[in-house]
Every structure is written in structure tokens, then in C-alpha cells.
Amino acid sequence: MKITISGLPGSGTSTIAGMLADHMGLNLVSAGETFRRLAAEYNMSLEEFGVLAERDPEIDMRLDMEQKRMALEHEGILLEGRLAGHFTEDADLRVWLDAPLRVRAARISK
């Protein structure tokens, strides 16, 4: 089974993905975790790596390709990230989470 959960920052994708993966016994692949791992590989803080990612399209491409690779190579997986649903062509279920801007802003600011 392959499930994707996508949404804008602060919409609750990480929370819901973690709960659903635990409940269903699926392996969770998080775009945020991949981003943090890549920042560590570059020996950069998340803030520094975020600035680099904004300037260098190769970073976004690498993040996207990592999720696509995981989707192609694994079953029993839940992929979480803004574009996860686009990269998982054979997903059994695609979920898009939405939340009002004020709610998302409050979540992100915490």
C-alpha cells in the first residue's frame, strides 16, 4: 500500500502522517526529515540550508527525486510532503490537507 499526504506548511501533514503511519503499520517518509538529513550532509543549519534551497533548484530537485525513488522502490509506505502526491503515480490514496492561513501561521510560529 502507498499513501501520500500533502498540504501547505502548517496544515498538519506531519502530525496526520505520523499518526496514520503508526496506525496502519506503514513506513513513513517525510519531506521534512529528508530536508533535515540533507542539511546535515551539507553541514548547514536548517536556516542556512533553506536559503541555499531557495537559490539552488538542484536542492529541490534532489528532495523531489528522493521521494520519487522511495515511492518507486517501496510498498507499505506513507509519503508526506507538499508534492508527495505528484510523485507517487501508483498511490492507493492521495490526501491533501488544508487549513486556514491564520491556523497555519499560528502552527508554524510555535
Protein backbone atom coordinates (compact mmCIF):
# COMPACT_ATOMS: atom_id res chain seq x y z
CA MET A 1 0.00 0.00 0.00
CA LYS A 2 1.17 3.52 -0.80
CA ILE A 3 -0.43 6.61 0.71
CA THR A 4 0.58 10.23 0.25
CA ILE A 5 -0.30 13.15 2.49
CA SER A 6 0.33 16.62 1.14
CA GLY A 7 -0.55 20.16 2.12
CA LEU A 8 0.85 23.61 2.64
CA PRO A 9 3.19 24.25 5.60
CA GLY A 10 1.29 24.24 8.88
CA SER A 11 -1.68 22.28 7.52
CA GLY A 12 -0.95 19.28 9.75
CA THR A 13 0.64 16.89 7.27
CA SER A 14 3.43 15.77 9.62
CA THR A 15 1.06 15.14 12.52
CA ILE A 16 -1.53 13.24 10.49
CA ALA A 17 1.10 11.31 8.52
CA GLY A 18 2.80 10.12 11.70
CA MET A 19 -0.46 9.05 13.31
CA LEU A 20 -1.70 7.27 10.19
CA ALA A 21 1.62 5.52 9.53
CA ASP A 22 1.67 4.24 13.12
CA HIS A 23 -1.96 3.13 12.97
CA MET A 24 -1.55 1.31 9.66
CA GLY A 25 1.96 -0.04 10.24
CA LEU A 26 3.41 1.84 7.27
CA ASN A 27 6.93 3.20 6.90
CA LEU A 28 6.87 6.99 6.95
CA VAL A 29 8.95 9.03 4.52
CA SER A 30 8.81 12.70 5.46
CA ALA A 31 9.96 15.50 3.18
CA GLY A 32 10.90 17.46 6.30
CA GLU A 33 13.10 14.64 7.58
CA THR A 34 14.74 14.35 4.16
CA PHE A 35 15.36 18.12 4.21
CA ARG A 36 16.96 17.89 7.67
CA ARG A 37 19.14 14.96 6.58
CA LEU A 38 20.34 16.87 3.52
CA ALA A 39 21.08 19.96 5.63
CA ALA A 40 23.26 17.77 7.86
CA GLU A 41 25.03 16.32 4.80
CA TYR A 42 25.84 19.88 3.72
CA ASN A 43 26.96 20.74 7.30
CA MET A 44 24.42 23.57 7.40
CA SER A 45 21.76 24.72 9.82
CA LEU A 46 18.18 24.35 8.63
CA GLU A 47 18.02 28.10 8.11
CA GLU A 48 21.22 28.16 6.03
CA PHE A 49 20.11 25.16 4.01
CA GLY A 50 16.70 26.76 3.44
CA VAL A 51 18.38 29.84 1.97
CA LEU A 52 20.52 27.64 -0.26
CA ALA A 53 17.49 25.62 -1.35
CA GLU A 54 15.67 28.81 -2.35
CA ARG A 55 18.58 29.78 -4.61
CA ASP A 56 19.58 26.38 -5.94
CA PRO A 57 16.92 24.42 -7.85
CA GLU A 58 19.14 21.33 -7.61
CA ILE A 59 18.29 21.08 -3.90
CA ASP A 60 14.55 20.97 -4.59
CA MET A 61 15.16 18.50 -7.38
CA ARG A 62 17.17 16.27 -5.06
CA LEU A 63 14.42 16.34 -2.43
CA ASP A 64 11.80 15.54 -5.05
CA MET A 65 13.84 12.73 -6.60
CA GLU A 66 14.46 11.17 -3.17
CA GLN A 67 10.72 10.96 -2.51
CA LYS A 68 10.06 9.67 -6.02
CA ARG A 69 12.73 6.99 -5.58
CA MET A 70 11.24 5.87 -2.27
CA ALA A 71 7.77 5.71 -3.83
CA LEU A 72 9.02 3.55 -6.69
CA GLU A 73 11.13 1.20 -4.59
CA HIS A 74 8.88 0.51 -1.61
CA GLU A 75 5.46 -0.81 -0.68
CA GLY A 76 3.85 -0.31 2.70
CA ILE A 77 4.86 3.33 2.70
CA LEU A 78 3.34 6.68 3.58
CA LEU A 79 4.97 9.68 1.92
CA GLU A 80 4.46 13.10 3.50
CA GLY A 81 5.35 16.34 1.77
CA ARG A 82 3.92 19.19 -0.20
CA LEU A 83 4.38 17.40 -3.54
CA ALA A 84 4.31 13.75 -2.43
CA GLY A 85 1.05 13.08 -4.24
CA HIS A 86 2.53 14.20 -7.54
CA PHE A 87 5.50 11.83 -7.35
CA THR A 88 3.65 8.70 -6.37
CA GLU A 89 1.85 7.73 -9.54
CA ASP A 90 0.68 4.38 -8.17
CA ALA A 91 -0.56 5.68 -4.80
CA ASP A 92 -3.53 3.83 -3.38
CA LEU A 93 -4.68 7.01 -1.66
CA ARG A 94 -3.71 10.67 -2.01
CA VAL A 95 -4.73 13.11 0.73
CA TRP A 96 -4.46 16.91 0.56
CA LEU A 97 -4.80 18.72 3.90
CA ASP A 98 -5.96 22.30 4.02
CA ALA A 99 -6.21 24.75 6.89
CA PRO A 100 -6.98 28.46 7.09
CA LEU A 101 -3.97 30.77 6.75
CA ARG A 102 -4.30 32.07 10.33
CA VAL A 103 -4.23 28.49 11.68
CA ARG A 104 -1.22 27.55 9.58
CA ALA A 105 0.62 30.73 10.61
CA ALA A 106 -0.08 30.05 14.30
CA ARG A 107 1.19 26.46 13.99
CA ILE A 108 4.36 27.50 12.18
CA SER A 109 5.14 30.29 14.66
CA LYS A 110 5.14 27.88 17.64
